[in-house]
Amino acid sequence: MYHEKPGIENTEKTIKIVLKYAREHGIRDIIIASTTGYTAEHMLNNAPEGEFNIIVVTHNTGFGEEDIQTFPDQLRKRLIDHGIKVLTGTMVLRSLGTAIREMTGYSEQDLIANTLRMFSQGIKVCVEMAAMAADCGLVPFDDVIAIAGTGKGADTACLIKANSSNRFFKIKVKEILIKPKEF
């Protein structure tokens, strides 16, 4: 399926498509990107408690401003209270790539990230989150659904065979469930 355009207005539809697909295909693990809590809030309101292993992936502390975490503490607590895990960690393709680029002017991670962005920004984030969640032992090295977006909200979802970041090229995008036509 395609959204006509990327953006926050696709969040509700994307989450409903993912939950339906997960039920129909027996996928239990769902990873979802959320920077400010908007997308996590929608997942919390749509997914029945305990039906899925849901992992919300936030930006690392200091992503935008030094020592600032943009994901709300109160929402983090509510999610955890409802059995949803929250992962705040280093973004596999951004942080290391940024550090190397600042020192050398070039980064292999930039090449990988930009190649994934040829499909869409959301696809890049979905793959990255699958590695992050696998690194932390929050999902199996098996089929998971990852949800991300272009800027704010969720407009992309993929079925991914997860693996750890040190085995990044064993991660497989098996199916793109939904993404924007334009990005």
C-alpha atoms as a PDB file:
ATOM      1  CA  MET A   1       0.000   0.000   0.000  1.00  0.00           C
ATOM      2  CA  TYR A   2       1.037   3.575  -0.504  1.00  0.00           C
ATOM      3  CA  HIS A   3       0.248   6.858   1.164  1.00  0.00           C
ATOM      4  CA  GLU A   4      -0.092   9.640  -1.391  1.00  0.00           C
ATOM      5  CA  LYS A   5       2.327  11.833   0.582  1.00  0.00           C
ATOM      6  CA  PRO A   6       4.569  11.379   3.608  1.00  0.00           C
ATOM      7  CA  GLY A   7       3.642  12.826   6.945  1.00  0.00           C
ATOM      8  CA  ILE A   8       2.089  12.763  10.359  1.00  0.00           C
ATOM      9  CA  GLU A   9      -1.468  12.444   9.008  1.00  0.00           C
ATOM     10  CA  ASN A  10      -0.687   8.827   8.015  1.00  0.00           C
ATOM     11  CA  THR A  11       0.088   7.670  11.563  1.00  0.00           C
ATOM     12  CA  GLU A  12      -3.277   6.186  12.526  1.00  0.00           C
ATOM     13  CA  LYS A  13      -3.721   4.359   9.217  1.00  0.00           C
ATOM     14  CA  THR A  14      -0.174   2.970   9.313  1.00  0.00           C
ATOM     15  CA  ILE A  15      -0.613   1.607  12.838  1.00  0.00           C
ATOM     16  CA  LYS A  16      -3.957  -0.017  11.983  1.00  0.00           C
ATOM     17  CA  ILE A  17      -2.466  -1.671   8.874  1.00  0.00           C
ATOM     18  CA  VAL A  18       0.448  -2.989  10.931  1.00  0.00           C
ATOM     19  CA  LEU A  19      -1.726  -4.402  13.718  1.00  0.00           C
ATOM     20  CA  LYS A  20      -4.007  -6.128  11.184  1.00  0.00           C
ATOM     21  CA  TYR A  21      -1.020  -7.577   9.289  1.00  0.00           C
ATOM     22  CA  ALA A  22       0.655  -8.729  12.503  1.00  0.00           C
ATOM     23  CA  ARG A  23      -2.491 -10.565  13.625  1.00  0.00           C
ATOM     24  CA  GLU A  24      -3.036 -12.184  10.218  1.00  0.00           C
ATOM     25  CA  HIS A  25       0.592 -13.354   9.929  1.00  0.00           C
ATOM     26  CA  GLY A  26       1.344 -14.247  13.543  1.00  0.00           C
ATOM     27  CA  ILE A  27       3.985 -11.551  14.011  1.00  0.00           C
ATOM     28  CA  ARG A  28       4.330 -10.697  17.680  1.00  0.00           C
ATOM     29  CA  ASP A  29       7.216  -8.203  17.678  1.00  0.00           C
ATOM     30  CA  ILE A  30       6.600  -4.596  16.614  1.00  0.00           C
ATOM     31  CA  ILE A  31       9.211  -1.832  16.732  1.00  0.00           C
ATOM     32  CA  ILE A  32       8.029   1.760  16.396  1.00  0.00           C
ATOM     33  CA  ALA A  33       9.957   5.025  16.114  1.00  0.00           C
ATOM     34  CA  SER A  34       8.810   7.919  18.281  1.00  0.00           C
ATOM     35  CA  THR A  35      10.777  11.093  18.914  1.00  0.00           C
ATOM     36  CA  THR A  36       8.303  13.287  20.780  1.00  0.00           C
ATOM     37  CA  GLY A  37       5.797  10.621  21.826  1.00  0.00           C
ATOM     38  CA  TYR A  38       3.143  11.334  19.188  1.00  0.00           C
ATOM     39  CA  THR A  39       3.463   7.984  17.394  1.00  0.00           C
ATOM     40  CA  ALA A  40       3.948   6.036  20.638  1.00  0.00           C
ATOM     41  CA  GLU A  41       0.733   7.567  21.989  1.00  0.00           C
ATOM     42  CA  HIS A  42      -1.155   6.354  18.898  1.00  0.00           C
ATOM     43  CA  MET A  43       0.254   2.844  19.310  1.00  0.00           C
ATOM     44  CA  LEU A  44      -0.693   2.833  23.003  1.00  0.00           C
ATOM     45  CA  ASN A  45      -4.263   3.815  22.086  1.00  0.00           C
ATOM     46  CA  ASN A  46      -4.614   1.162  19.345  1.00  0.00           C
ATOM     47  CA  ALA A  47      -2.744  -1.957  20.499  1.00  0.00           C
ATOM     48  CA  PRO A  48      -4.417  -4.119  23.151  1.00  0.00           C
ATOM     49  CA  GLU A  49      -2.188  -4.538  26.198  1.00  0.00           C
ATOM     50  CA  GLY A  50      -0.144  -7.744  26.090  1.00  0.00           C
ATOM     51  CA  GLU A  51      -1.069  -8.840  22.557  1.00  0.00           C
ATOM     52  CA  PHE A  52       2.277  -7.797  21.066  1.00  0.00           C
ATOM     53  CA  ASN A  53       5.867  -7.254  22.148  1.00  0.00           C
ATOM     54  CA  ILE A  54       6.034  -3.533  21.320  1.00  0.00           C
ATOM     55  CA  ILE A  55       9.294  -1.609  21.478  1.00  0.00           C
ATOM     56  CA  VAL A  56       9.235   2.177  21.104  1.00  0.00           C
ATOM     57  CA  VAL A  57      12.588   3.526  19.888  1.00  0.00           C
ATOM     58  CA  THR A  58      13.369   7.143  20.783  1.00  0.00           C
ATOM     59  CA  HIS A  59      16.180   9.461  19.777  1.00  0.00           C
ATOM     60  CA  ASN A  60      19.250   9.332  21.967  1.00  0.00           C
ATOM     61  CA  THR A  61      19.644  11.978  24.651  1.00  0.00           C
ATOM     62  CA  GLY A  62      21.504  14.909  23.116  1.00  0.00           C
ATOM     63  CA  PHE A  63      20.283  14.157  19.571  1.00  0.00           C
ATOM     64  CA  GLY A  64      19.194  17.750  18.972  1.00  0.00           C
ATOM     65  CA  GLU A  65      20.498  19.632  21.965  1.00  0.00           C
ATOM     66  CA  GLU A  66      23.175  18.575  24.417  1.00  0.00           C
ATOM     67  CA  ASP A  67      21.760  16.791  27.479  1.00  0.00           C
ATOM     68  CA  ILE A  68      18.128  17.058  26.263  1.00  0.00           C
ATOM     69  CA  GLN A  69      15.806  14.067  25.834  1.00  0.00           C
ATOM     70  CA  THR A  70      12.800  14.902  23.623  1.00  0.00           C
ATOM     71  CA  PHE A  71      10.701  11.885  24.600  1.00  0.00           C
ATOM     72  CA  PRO A  72       8.382  12.770  27.520  1.00  0.00           C
ATOM     73  CA  ASP A  73       9.165  11.041  30.839  1.00  0.00           C
ATOM     74  CA  GLN A  74       5.481  10.744  31.770  1.00  0.00           C
ATOM     75  CA  LEU A  75       4.648   8.970  28.507  1.00  0.00           C
ATOM     76  CA  ARG A  76       7.646   6.665  28.953  1.00  0.00           C
ATOM     77  CA  LYS A  77       6.235   5.630  32.341  1.00  0.00           C
ATOM     78  CA  ARG A  78       2.714   5.091  30.919  1.00  0.00           C
ATOM     79  CA  LEU A  79       4.069   2.936  28.097  1.00  0.00           C
ATOM     80  CA  ILE A  80       6.112   0.813  30.493  1.00  0.00           C
ATOM     81  CA  ASP A  81       3.104   0.480  32.810  1.00  0.00           C
ATOM     82  CA  HIS A  82       1.173  -0.938  29.815  1.00  0.00           C
ATOM     83  CA  GLY A  83       3.907  -3.458  28.976  1.00  0.00           C
ATOM     84  CA  ILE A  84       5.491  -1.488  26.132  1.00  0.00           C
ATOM     85  CA  LYS A  85       9.288  -1.333  26.158  1.00  0.00           C
ATOM     86  CA  VAL A  86      11.082   1.950  25.458  1.00  0.00           C
ATOM     87  CA  LEU A  87      14.546   1.877  23.890  1.00  0.00           C
ATOM     88  CA  THR A  88      16.631   5.047  24.012  1.00  0.00           C
ATOM     89  CA  GLY A  89      19.999   4.351  22.479  1.00  0.00           C
ATOM     90  CA  THR A  90      22.516   5.163  19.818  1.00  0.00           C
ATOM     91  CA  MET A  91      21.141   5.177  16.284  1.00  0.00           C
ATOM     92  CA  VAL A  92      23.245   2.656  14.410  1.00  0.00           C
ATOM     93  CA  LEU A  93      23.598   4.587  11.148  1.00  0.00           C
ATOM     94  CA  ARG A  94      23.648   8.156  12.449  1.00  0.00           C
ATOM     95  CA  SER A  95      25.794   8.484  15.488  1.00  0.00           C
ATOM     96  CA  LEU A  96      28.814   6.521  14.358  1.00  0.00           C
ATOM     97  CA  GLY A  97      28.571   7.983  10.866  1.00  0.00           C
ATOM     98  CA  THR A  98      28.411  11.508  12.243  1.00  0.00           C
ATOM     99  CA  ALA A  99      31.466  10.964  14.454  1.00  0.00           C
ATOM    100  CA  ILE A 100      33.526   9.507  11.595  1.00  0.00           C
ATOM    101  CA  ARG A 101      32.397  12.206   9.152  1.00  0.00           C
ATOM    102  CA  GLU A 102      33.327  14.986  11.581  1.00  0.00           C
ATOM    103  CA  MET A 103      36.854  13.571  11.810  1.00  0.00           C
ATOM    104  CA  THR A 104      37.422  12.466   8.205  1.00  0.00           C
ATOM    105  CA  GLY A 105      34.769  14.083   6.025  1.00  0.00           C
ATOM    106  CA  TYR A 106      33.544  10.635   4.871  1.00  0.00           C
ATOM    107  CA  SER A 107      31.475   7.840   6.365  1.00  0.00           C
ATOM    108  CA  GLU A 108      30.536   4.373   5.115  1.00  0.00           C
ATOM    109  CA  GLN A 109      27.452   4.625   7.345  1.00  0.00           C
ATOM    110  CA  ASP A 110      26.313   7.647   5.312  1.00  0.00           C
ATOM    111  CA  LEU A 111      26.516   5.529   2.163  1.00  0.00           C
ATOM    112  CA  ILE A 112      24.375   2.786   3.723  1.00  0.00           C
ATOM    113  CA  ALA A 113      21.868   5.248   5.179  1.00  0.00           C
ATOM    114  CA  ASN A 114      21.528   7.157   1.917  1.00  0.00           C
ATOM    115  CA  THR A 115      21.097   3.919  -0.040  1.00  0.00           C
ATOM    116  CA  LEU A 116      18.212   2.928   2.242  1.00  0.00           C
ATOM    117  CA  ARG A 117      16.756   6.443   1.875  1.00  0.00           C
ATOM    118  CA  MET A 118      16.433   5.742  -1.869  1.00  0.00           C
ATOM    119  CA  PHE A 119      13.370   3.719  -0.834  1.00  0.00           C
ATOM    120  CA  SER A 120      12.302   6.282   1.791  1.00  0.00           C
ATOM    121  CA  GLN A 121      13.449   7.859   5.048  1.00  0.00           C
ATOM    122  CA  GLY A 122      11.108   5.520   6.897  1.00  0.00           C
ATOM    123  CA  ILE A 123      12.710   2.392   5.389  1.00  0.00           C
ATOM    124  CA  LYS A 124      16.127   3.575   6.616  1.00  0.00           C
ATOM    125  CA  VAL A 125      14.761   4.091  10.131  1.00  0.00           C
ATOM    126  CA  CYS A 126      12.936   0.721  10.127  1.00  0.00           C
ATOM    127  CA  VAL A 127      16.137  -1.162   9.285  1.00  0.00           C
ATOM    128  CA  GLU A 128      18.137   0.836  11.815  1.00  0.00           C
ATOM    129  CA  MET A 129      15.625   0.171  14.608  1.00  0.00           C
ATOM    130  CA  ALA A 130      15.592  -3.561  13.856  1.00  0.00           C
ATOM    131  CA  ALA A 131      19.349  -3.607  14.514  1.00  0.00           C
ATOM    132  CA  MET A 132      19.033  -1.473  17.653  1.00  0.00           C
ATOM    133  CA  ALA A 133      16.257  -3.623  19.172  1.00  0.00           C
ATOM    134  CA  ALA A 134      18.129  -6.837  18.299  1.00  0.00           C
ATOM    135  CA  ASP A 135      21.338  -5.428  19.824  1.00  0.00           C
ATOM    136  CA  CYS A 136      19.475  -4.923  23.115  1.00  0.00           C
ATOM    137  CA  GLY A 137      17.846  -8.356  23.042  1.00  0.00           C
ATOM    138  CA  LEU A 138      14.359  -6.826  22.836  1.00  0.00           C
ATOM    139  CA  VAL A 139      13.354  -8.732  19.682  1.00  0.00           C
ATOM    140  CA  PRO A 140      14.341 -12.130  18.298  1.00  0.00           C
ATOM    141  CA  PHE A 141      16.659 -12.443  15.324  1.00  0.00           C
ATOM    142  CA  ASP A 142      13.562 -13.272  13.321  1.00  0.00           C
ATOM    143  CA  ASP A 143      10.607 -11.559  11.649  1.00  0.00           C
ATOM    144  CA  VAL A 144       9.532  -8.259  13.219  1.00  0.00           C
ATOM    145  CA  ILE A 145       7.481  -5.347  11.963  1.00  0.00           C
ATOM    146  CA  ALA A 146       9.097  -1.931  12.106  1.00  0.00           C
ATOM    147  CA  ILE A 147       7.170   1.347  11.857  1.00  0.00           C
ATOM    148  CA  ALA A 148       8.747   4.738  11.150  1.00  0.00           C
ATOM    149  CA  GLY A 149       8.073   7.946   9.303  1.00  0.00           C
ATOM    150  CA  THR A 150       9.254  10.918   7.362  1.00  0.00           C
ATOM    151  CA  GLY A 151       9.759  13.690   9.877  1.00  0.00           C
ATOM    152  CA  LYS A 152       6.840  13.374  12.311  1.00  0.00           C
ATOM    153  CA  GLY A 153       4.371  10.536  12.718  1.00  0.00           C
ATOM    154  CA  ALA A 154       4.391   7.154  11.007  1.00  0.00           C
ATOM    155  CA  ASP A 155       3.999   6.594   7.266  1.00  0.00           C
ATOM    156  CA  THR A 156       6.166   3.510   6.664  1.00  0.00           C
ATOM    157  CA  ALA A 157       6.083  -0.099   7.861  1.00  0.00           C
ATOM    158  CA  CYS A 158       8.179  -3.125   6.905  1.00  0.00           C
ATOM    159  CA  LEU A 159       8.400  -6.804   7.704  1.00  0.00           C
ATOM    160  CA  ILE A 160      12.073  -7.292   8.562  1.00  0.00           C
ATOM    161  CA  LYS A 161      14.204 -10.257   9.574  1.00  0.00           C
ATOM    162  CA  ALA A 162      16.081  -8.611  12.429  1.00  0.00           C
ATOM    163  CA  ASN A 163      19.727  -9.090  13.316  1.00  0.00           C
ATOM    164  CA  SER A 164      22.327  -7.246  15.367  1.00  0.00           C
ATOM    165  CA  SER A 165      24.214  -4.203  14.120  1.00  0.00           C
ATOM    166  CA  ASN A 166      27.483  -6.134  13.890  1.00  0.00           C
ATOM    167  CA  ARG A 167      25.684  -8.447  11.418  1.00  0.00           C
ATOM    168  CA  PHE A 168      23.932  -5.552   9.698  1.00  0.00           C
ATOM    169  CA  PHE A 169      23.998  -7.115   6.230  1.00  0.00           C
ATOM    170  CA  LYS A 170      22.090 -10.155   7.503  1.00  0.00           C
ATOM    171  CA  ILE A 171      19.093  -7.903   8.193  1.00  0.00           C
ATOM    172  CA  LYS A 172      16.525  -8.453   5.441  1.00  0.00           C
ATOM    173  CA  VAL A 173      13.623  -6.256   4.431  1.00  0.00           C
ATOM    174  CA  LYS A 174      11.170  -9.002   3.544  1.00  0.00           C
ATOM    175  CA  GLU A 175       8.130  -6.888   2.736  1.00  0.00           C
ATOM    176  CA  ILE A 176       7.228  -3.213   2.628  1.00  0.00           C
ATOM    177  CA  LEU A 177       3.726  -3.017   4.090  1.00  0.00           C
ATOM    178  CA  ILE A 178       3.174   0.681   3.463  1.00  0.00           C
ATOM    179  CA  LYS A 179       5.212   3.741   2.505  1.00  0.00           C
ATOM    180  CA  PRO A 180       4.664   7.122   0.901  1.00  0.00           C
ATOM    181  CA  LYS A 181       4.614   7.308  -2.904  1.00  0.00           C
ATOM    182  CA  GLU A 182       6.476  10.590  -2.655  1.00  0.00           C
ATOM    183  CA  PHE A 183       9.218  11.248  -0.153  1.00  0.00           C
END
